[in-house]
Amino acid sequence: MNRSVYCVIVPYLLWLLSASAVCRACDVPVCRYALEHWNPDAYQVAVLHQGPMDVKYKALITALEKRSLGFPRANLVVQTIDADHPADESERALCQANPCVDGPRVVVRFPAASRVHGTAWEGLLNAGAVASLADSPCRRDIADRLLGGDEMVWVLLQTGRKEADAAAAERIEQELKRPTDERQSPLRSSLVRVSRGDPAEKLLTETLLSTEPDLRGRDEPMAFPVFGRGRVLYALVGAGINAETVRHALAFLTGGCSCTVKRENPGVDLLLTADWSVITPTTPEEAPPAQAPSDESVPLHPLPAARPNALAHHGVAPLGQTATPLEHRFWLLGAVGAAAALVVVTGGLAIRRTKRTSGS
C-alpha cells in the first residue's frame, strides 16, 4: 500500500476512534457527568475598604478566605480593594458604585464564565455576612441532596400565595414521579421550596433571580432545576411550569448528549459550600470530540437554548430539543458507518489503482 493510501485512510481511522469516544460519552446522562467532572465556577467576592483596616475586619476577611480552602469548600475567590488606591478603572468603578461610608463592604459578583453580569449580593462586612455568604440552610440542603444521590434538585421560589405555590409544586412533583421513556423507575429527584422573603436565603434568591434578565419583578412561582455540583439549568415561570416543560428539562438532564464541554451547556453555578471530592467517578472524563477531516465543522449534538425561559414562561417547550438523545445516537452511528464505508471504498480503489500501476 503506497503513501497516498495512508494519507486517505489514517485521518478517517483517527476520526472513527474519536467518534466512538463520543458515542460512549453520549451514554452518560448529563446530570451524572456534571456531578463527576464539572467543578463549580468561582464567585468573585470583593471586599472594598478605604485606607488601613482594623484588626477585626482583617480577621473577618481571613475567615471568609478560609471558606474557599480545605473541605468542604465554597466556590469563591476573595479580593480586597482599597478605594483610595484602585488598581484599574474596573476597580475604581466598583468602589464608586459601592462607597465605604459605613465601613468596608462586600460585593459578590457572578463567575466570569457564567455570562451573568451584575452583582449577586452586596452589604457591609460583618460576621453575619461572612457566615451567610458561603452557606445557608437551603443551599446546604441542595448540596446534601446532590451528594446523597439525587440526580437533580428542583428549587421552587415561592411567591407567598399558597394556592399558586402549591399548584406549581404539584405539577413538578407529578412529573418527577413518572417513569421516563428510557427507564422504568422514577428519577431520584426532589423539590426544595424557598420563600422570597427569607433573609437567610437572600443571596440564593438574588442569585436565582439574576440567572436570566427578565425574572425580577415577576410575581409568579419560579422553578429552577439544579444538577451536577449545584448548576442551575434555567427558570420555568408561572404557566411555564407545566408537564411539557418539566419533561423537556428532565429529558435533557437525564439523556445522553455532547456533555463533555461545560461551557457549551446552559446553566449558572450556585455559590455553595460542599465537599465534592467525596464523589467517586464512575465515568471517564472525555476530551472534547475531534472533528472529521472536512472543510466544514458540523456539530454532532445541538444543545438546548441557553435562555429558553422566554418560551417557557408561556408554556412552550424550550428550543433546541427537536431530537431526542436516542435520535442523536442514531445519527452519530450513521455518520460513523458512512465514514467506515468511505474508508473501505477509498482504500479499495487506492489498492486497485496501485496494483494496476505496478502491473503495467
Protein backbone atom coordinates (compact mmCIF):
# COMPACT_ATOMS: atom_id res chain seq x y z
CA MET A 1 0.00 0.00 0.00
CA ASN A 2 1.55 3.29 -1.07
CA ARG A 3 1.75 6.54 0.83
CA SER A 4 -1.34 8.04 -0.80
CA VAL A 5 -3.45 5.24 0.65
CA TYR A 6 -2.18 6.02 4.15
CA CYS A 7 -2.93 9.70 3.63
CA VAL A 8 -6.54 8.83 2.85
CA ILE A 9 -7.21 6.11 5.41
CA VAL A 10 -5.34 7.25 8.53
CA PRO A 11 -7.25 10.55 9.11
CA TYR A 12 -10.58 8.77 8.91
CA LEU A 13 -9.47 5.97 11.20
CA LEU A 14 -8.45 8.58 13.77
CA TRP A 15 -11.81 10.28 13.42
CA LEU A 16 -13.63 6.95 13.85
CA LEU A 17 -11.80 6.41 17.13
CA SER A 18 -12.79 9.87 18.38
CA ALA A 19 -16.38 9.34 17.22
CA SER A 20 -16.58 6.10 19.17
CA ALA A 21 -15.45 8.03 22.26
CA VAL A 22 -18.29 10.49 21.65
CA CYS A 23 -20.73 7.56 21.49
CA ARG A 24 -19.55 6.43 24.90
CA ALA A 25 -19.91 9.96 26.30
CA CYS A 26 -23.43 10.10 24.84
CA ASP A 27 -24.46 7.18 27.03
CA VAL A 28 -23.67 9.16 30.21
CA PRO A 29 -26.56 11.30 31.50
CA VAL A 30 -25.74 14.99 31.67
CA CYS A 31 -26.60 15.17 35.37
CA ARG A 32 -24.21 12.30 36.20
CA TYR A 33 -21.36 13.57 34.05
CA ALA A 34 -21.72 17.06 35.53
CA LEU A 35 -21.66 15.71 39.09
CA GLU A 36 -18.49 13.74 38.48
CA HIS A 37 -16.50 16.13 36.28
CA TRP A 38 -17.74 19.74 36.29
CA ASN A 39 -16.11 21.79 39.04
CA PRO A 40 -18.27 24.79 40.01
CA ASP A 41 -17.18 28.22 38.79
CA ALA A 42 -15.85 30.59 41.46
CA TYR A 43 -17.79 33.68 42.54
CA GLN A 44 -15.75 36.88 42.81
CA VAL A 45 -16.02 38.30 46.34
CA ALA A 46 -14.60 41.82 46.50
CA VAL A 47 -14.01 43.41 49.91
CA LEU A 48 -13.93 47.19 49.48
CA HIS A 49 -12.28 49.35 52.11
CA GLN A 50 -10.86 52.84 52.39
CA GLY A 51 -7.40 53.12 53.87
CA PRO A 52 -5.98 50.79 56.55
CA MET A 53 -8.39 48.26 58.05
CA ASP A 54 -8.93 47.44 61.72
CA VAL A 55 -7.83 44.07 63.03
CA LYS A 56 -11.45 42.89 63.35
CA TYR A 57 -12.06 43.42 59.63
CA LYS A 58 -8.86 41.61 58.72
CA ALA A 59 -9.99 38.68 60.85
CA LEU A 60 -13.33 38.61 59.01
CA ILE A 61 -11.56 38.58 55.65
CA THR A 62 -9.35 35.71 56.81
CA ALA A 63 -12.43 33.79 57.91
CA LEU A 64 -14.02 34.39 54.51
CA GLU A 65 -10.89 33.24 52.68
CA LYS A 66 -10.83 30.04 54.72
CA ARG A 67 -14.26 29.15 53.34
CA SER A 68 -12.64 28.65 49.93
CA LEU A 69 -9.92 26.36 51.32
CA GLY A 70 -10.00 22.81 52.62
CA PHE A 71 -13.06 20.56 52.57
CA PRO A 72 -15.90 21.31 52.45
CA ARG A 73 -15.14 24.45 50.49
CA ALA A 74 -17.08 27.27 48.90
CA ASN A 75 -16.65 28.18 45.24
CA LEU A 76 -15.48 31.74 45.83
CA VAL A 77 -12.36 33.86 45.46
CA VAL A 78 -11.74 36.82 47.79
CA GLN A 79 -10.14 40.06 46.63
CA THR A 80 -9.51 43.16 48.74
CA ILE A 81 -9.67 46.57 47.08
CA ASP A 82 -8.55 49.84 48.66
CA ALA A 83 -10.86 52.56 47.38
CA ASP A 84 -8.05 55.08 47.83
CA HIS A 85 -5.77 53.10 45.52
CA PRO A 86 -7.77 51.16 42.90
CA ALA A 87 -5.61 49.09 40.57
CA ASP A 88 -7.55 49.91 37.41
CA GLU A 89 -10.71 51.52 36.06
CA SER A 90 -12.88 48.50 36.81
CA GLU A 91 -11.89 48.62 40.48
CA ARG A 92 -12.44 52.37 40.55
CA ALA A 93 -15.93 51.96 39.10
CA LEU A 94 -16.74 49.22 41.60
CA CYS A 95 -15.66 51.41 44.52
CA GLN A 96 -17.64 54.38 43.23
CA ALA A 97 -20.77 52.25 42.90
CA ASN A 98 -20.33 50.88 46.43
CA PRO A 99 -18.93 53.65 48.66
CA CYS A 100 -17.50 52.58 52.01
CA VAL A 101 -19.37 55.19 54.03
CA ASP A 102 -20.22 52.94 56.99
CA GLY A 103 -17.15 50.74 56.78
CA PRO A 104 -15.80 48.01 54.48
CA ARG A 105 -18.32 46.49 52.08
CA VAL A 106 -18.60 43.11 50.40
CA VAL A 107 -19.64 42.79 46.76
CA VAL A 108 -20.33 39.31 45.39
CA ARG A 109 -20.13 39.07 41.60
CA PHE A 110 -21.03 36.17 39.35
CA PRO A 111 -18.29 33.99 37.87
CA ALA A 112 -16.93 35.36 34.60
CA ALA A 113 -17.76 32.08 32.87
CA SER A 114 -21.45 32.40 33.80
CA ARG A 115 -22.05 35.28 31.38
CA VAL A 116 -24.30 36.82 34.05
CA HIS A 117 -23.44 40.46 34.61
CA GLY A 118 -24.06 42.41 37.76
CA THR A 119 -23.94 41.79 41.48
CA ALA A 120 -25.30 38.71 43.24
CA TRP A 121 -25.17 40.37 46.66
CA GLU A 122 -23.64 43.36 48.43
CA GLY A 123 -23.57 44.60 52.01
CA LEU A 124 -21.44 45.57 54.98
CA LEU A 125 -18.53 43.37 56.03
CA ASN A 126 -19.54 41.80 59.34
CA ALA A 127 -19.77 38.39 60.98
CA GLY A 128 -23.28 37.83 59.66
CA ALA A 129 -22.22 38.49 56.08
CA VAL A 130 -19.26 36.11 56.35
CA ALA A 131 -21.49 33.37 57.76
CA SER A 132 -24.28 33.73 55.19
CA LEU A 133 -22.27 34.35 52.02
CA ALA A 134 -20.86 30.87 51.56
CA ASP A 135 -23.68 28.88 53.10
CA SER A 136 -27.35 28.89 54.08
CA PRO A 137 -29.86 26.24 55.20
CA CYS A 138 -31.41 25.82 51.77
CA ARG A 139 -28.12 25.80 49.86
CA ARG A 140 -26.74 23.26 52.33
CA ASP A 141 -29.83 21.13 51.74
CA ILE A 142 -29.36 21.31 47.96
CA ALA A 143 -25.71 20.24 48.20
CA ASP A 144 -26.54 17.42 50.63
CA ARG A 145 -29.23 16.06 48.32
CA LEU A 146 -26.96 16.12 45.27
CA LEU A 147 -24.17 14.45 47.23
CA GLY A 148 -26.68 11.97 48.65
CA GLY A 149 -27.70 10.62 45.27
CA ASP A 150 -30.40 12.92 43.91
CA GLU A 151 -29.96 13.27 40.16
CA MET A 152 -31.36 16.78 40.36
CA VAL A 153 -33.00 19.11 42.87
CA TRP A 154 -35.81 21.41 41.81
CA VAL A 155 -35.81 24.73 43.67
CA LEU A 156 -39.24 26.37 43.82
CA LEU A 157 -39.01 30.10 44.51
CA GLN A 158 -42.37 30.81 46.10
CA THR A 159 -44.49 33.94 45.85
CA GLY A 160 -46.17 33.67 49.24
CA ARG A 161 -49.55 32.96 47.62
CA LYS A 162 -50.35 29.48 48.88
CA GLU A 163 -52.60 28.34 46.04
CA ALA A 164 -50.22 29.38 43.26
CA ASP A 165 -47.19 27.94 45.03
CA ALA A 166 -48.93 24.66 45.84
CA ALA A 167 -50.16 24.25 42.25
CA ALA A 168 -46.66 24.79 40.86
CA ALA A 169 -45.16 22.33 43.33
CA GLU A 170 -47.79 19.71 42.48
CA ARG A 171 -47.12 19.97 38.73
CA ILE A 172 -43.39 19.45 39.26
CA GLU A 173 -43.77 16.58 41.71
CA GLN A 174 -46.21 14.76 39.43
CA GLU A 175 -43.64 14.69 36.64
CA LEU A 176 -40.81 13.70 38.96
CA LYS A 177 -42.80 10.63 39.99
CA ARG A 178 -43.35 9.44 36.43
CA PRO A 179 -41.05 6.85 34.83
CA THR A 180 -39.17 8.27 31.83
CA ASP A 181 -39.07 6.86 28.32
CA GLU A 182 -35.65 5.28 28.92
CA ARG A 183 -36.19 3.89 32.42
CA GLN A 184 -38.97 2.06 34.24
CA SER A 185 -38.47 3.68 37.64
CA PRO A 186 -38.95 7.37 38.51
CA LEU A 187 -35.97 9.68 38.73
CA ARG A 188 -34.29 10.17 42.06
CA SER A 189 -35.01 13.86 42.42
CA SER A 190 -36.64 16.18 44.91
CA LEU A 191 -38.21 19.58 45.40
CA VAL A 192 -36.94 22.31 47.73
CA ARG A 193 -39.14 25.32 48.49
CA VAL A 194 -37.66 28.76 49.12
CA SER A 195 -39.51 31.81 50.37
CA ARG A 196 -38.50 35.03 48.63
CA GLY A 197 -38.73 36.90 51.90
CA ASP A 198 -36.45 34.59 53.88
CA PRO A 199 -33.48 36.74 55.00
CA ALA A 200 -31.28 33.65 55.43
CA GLU A 201 -31.74 32.87 51.72
CA LYS A 202 -31.27 36.38 50.35
CA LEU A 203 -28.13 35.51 48.38
CA LEU A 204 -29.76 32.38 46.94
CA THR A 205 -32.87 34.31 45.97
CA GLU A 206 -30.86 37.11 44.37
CA THR A 207 -28.71 34.59 42.51
CA LEU A 208 -31.71 32.74 41.09
CA LEU A 209 -33.42 35.96 40.02
CA SER A 210 -30.22 37.09 38.30
CA THR A 211 -29.75 33.97 36.19
CA GLU A 212 -31.95 35.49 33.47
CA PRO A 213 -32.59 39.17 32.76
CA ASP A 214 -36.41 39.19 32.88
CA LEU A 215 -37.13 37.37 36.15
CA ARG A 216 -37.13 40.30 38.55
CA GLY A 217 -40.48 41.91 39.07
CA ARG A 218 -42.45 38.81 38.10
CA ASP A 219 -44.80 37.84 40.92
CA GLU A 220 -45.17 34.20 39.89
CA PRO A 221 -43.76 30.91 41.16
CA MET A 222 -40.40 30.06 39.60
CA ALA A 223 -38.82 26.63 39.32
CA PHE A 224 -35.10 26.07 38.83
CA PRO A 225 -33.72 22.56 38.14
CA VAL A 226 -30.32 22.21 39.84
CA PHE A 227 -27.95 19.40 38.87
CA GLY A 228 -24.30 18.38 38.96
CA ARG A 229 -22.39 20.32 41.59
CA GLY A 230 -25.03 22.99 42.04
CA ARG A 231 -25.63 24.16 38.48
CA VAL A 232 -28.96 25.85 37.68
CA LEU A 233 -30.20 24.84 34.22
CA TYR A 234 -32.74 27.64 33.64
CA ALA A 235 -36.00 29.04 35.00
CA LEU A 236 -39.57 27.92 34.45
CA VAL A 237 -42.04 30.66 35.42
CA GLY A 238 -45.75 30.72 36.15
CA ALA A 239 -47.69 28.94 33.41
CA GLY A 240 -44.34 27.75 32.07
CA ILE A 241 -44.22 25.27 34.95
CA ASN A 242 -46.15 22.52 33.22
CA ALA A 243 -45.80 18.87 32.28
CA GLU A 244 -44.23 19.55 28.88
CA THR A 245 -41.52 21.97 30.02
CA VAL A 246 -40.65 19.88 33.07
CA ARG A 247 -40.31 16.82 30.84
CA HIS A 248 -38.03 18.72 28.47
CA ALA A 249 -35.74 19.67 31.35
CA LEU A 250 -35.74 16.08 32.62
CA ALA A 251 -35.03 14.74 29.13
CA PHE A 252 -32.00 16.98 28.72
CA LEU A 253 -30.54 16.31 32.16
CA THR A 254 -31.04 12.55 32.09
CA GLY A 255 -30.41 11.98 28.40
CA GLY A 256 -27.07 11.46 26.72
CA CYS A 257 -25.67 14.37 24.76
CA SER A 258 -22.44 16.20 23.99
CA CYS A 259 -21.94 16.91 27.68
CA THR A 260 -18.16 16.86 27.87
CA VAL A 261 -17.65 20.62 27.41
CA LYS A 262 -19.20 22.54 30.29
CA ARG A 263 -19.06 25.95 28.61
CA GLU A 264 -21.19 24.70 25.72
CA ASN A 265 -24.02 23.74 28.06
CA PRO A 266 -26.58 26.13 29.56
CA GLY A 267 -26.58 26.94 33.24
CA VAL A 268 -25.18 29.02 36.10
CA ASP A 269 -23.41 27.59 39.15
CA LEU A 270 -24.74 28.44 42.60
CA LEU A 271 -22.47 29.58 45.42
CA LEU A 272 -22.38 26.50 47.66
CA THR A 273 -20.18 25.00 50.36
CA ALA A 274 -19.69 21.29 49.77
CA ASP A 275 -17.09 18.55 49.65
CA TRP A 276 -17.38 17.37 46.05
CA SER A 277 -14.15 15.40 46.42
CA VAL A 278 -16.09 12.53 48.03
CA ILE A 279 -17.65 11.72 44.66
CA THR A 280 -16.11 8.64 43.08
CA PRO A 281 -16.20 8.98 39.27
CA THR A 282 -17.85 6.06 37.51
CA THR A 283 -17.40 7.52 34.05
CA PRO A 284 -14.18 8.59 32.30
CA GLU A 285 -13.66 12.27 31.67
CA GLU A 286 -13.88 12.61 27.92
CA ALA A 287 -11.81 15.06 25.91
CA PRO A 288 -13.74 17.32 23.51
CA PRO A 289 -14.58 15.25 20.42
CA ALA A 290 -12.33 15.58 17.40
CA GLN A 291 -13.86 16.75 14.14
CA ALA A 292 -14.00 14.78 10.92
CA PRO A 293 -11.37 15.86 8.37
CA SER A 294 -13.51 18.10 6.16
CA ASP A 295 -13.80 21.69 5.05
CA GLU A 296 -16.64 22.47 7.48
CA SER A 297 -17.26 21.51 11.07
CA VAL A 298 -20.72 20.09 11.74
CA PRO A 299 -21.91 19.96 15.38
CA LEU A 300 -22.90 16.45 16.39
CA HIS A 301 -25.36 17.36 19.12
CA PRO A 302 -27.49 20.53 19.16
CA LEU A 303 -27.83 21.90 22.69
CA PRO A 304 -30.92 23.46 24.20
CA ALA A 305 -31.10 27.24 24.07
CA ALA A 306 -29.19 28.94 26.86
CA ARG A 307 -32.22 31.12 27.58
CA PRO A 308 -35.40 29.13 26.93
CA ASN A 309 -37.45 30.90 29.58
CA ALA A 310 -38.99 33.38 27.15
CA LEU A 311 -40.93 30.44 25.73
CA ALA A 312 -41.17 28.53 28.99
CA HIS A 313 -42.97 31.49 30.57
CA HIS A 314 -45.83 30.85 28.14
CA GLY A 315 -45.86 27.09 28.46
CA VAL A 316 -43.94 26.41 25.23
CA ALA A 317 -41.15 23.86 25.16
CA PRO A 318 -37.56 25.20 25.12
CA LEU A 319 -35.76 25.48 21.83
CA GLY A 320 -33.03 23.19 20.63
CA GLN A 321 -34.64 19.89 21.65
CA THR A 322 -36.18 18.83 18.35
CA ALA A 323 -34.49 15.44 18.54
CA THR A 324 -34.24 13.02 21.42
CA PRO A 325 -30.88 11.76 22.73
CA LEU A 326 -31.65 8.37 21.13
CA GLU A 327 -32.17 10.03 17.75
CA HIS A 328 -28.85 11.82 18.17
CA ARG A 329 -27.18 8.47 18.73
CA PHE A 330 -28.72 7.05 15.54
CA TRP A 331 -27.44 10.00 13.54
CA LEU A 332 -23.99 9.67 15.06
CA LEU A 333 -23.83 5.92 14.44
CA GLY A 334 -24.99 6.53 10.87
CA ALA A 335 -22.19 9.05 10.39
CA VAL A 336 -19.67 6.60 11.79
CA GLY A 337 -20.96 3.86 9.48
CA ALA A 338 -20.81 6.14 6.45
CA ALA A 339 -17.26 7.14 7.30
CA ALA A 340 -16.29 3.48 7.71
CA ALA A 341 -17.78 2.64 4.32
CA LEU A 342 -15.92 5.56 2.80
CA VAL A 343 -12.67 4.28 4.29
CA VAL A 344 -13.22 0.81 2.80
CA VAL A 345 -14.22 2.09 -0.64
CA THR A 346 -11.43 4.67 -0.81
CA GLY A 347 -8.84 2.17 0.38
CA GLY A 348 -10.03 -0.46 -2.09
CA LEU A 349 -9.87 1.94 -5.01
CA ALA A 350 -6.42 3.09 -3.98
CA ILE A 351 -5.18 -0.52 -3.72
CA ARG A 352 -6.63 -1.41 -7.14
CA ARG A 353 -5.01 1.67 -8.64
CA THR A 354 -1.70 0.68 -7.08
CA LYS A 355 -1.91 -2.87 -8.48
CA ARG A 356 -2.76 -1.62 -11.96
CA THR A 357 0.18 0.77 -11.89
CA SER A 358 2.60 -1.91 -10.73
CA GLY A 359 1.20 -4.44 -13.28
CA SER A 360 1.65 -2.08 -16.18
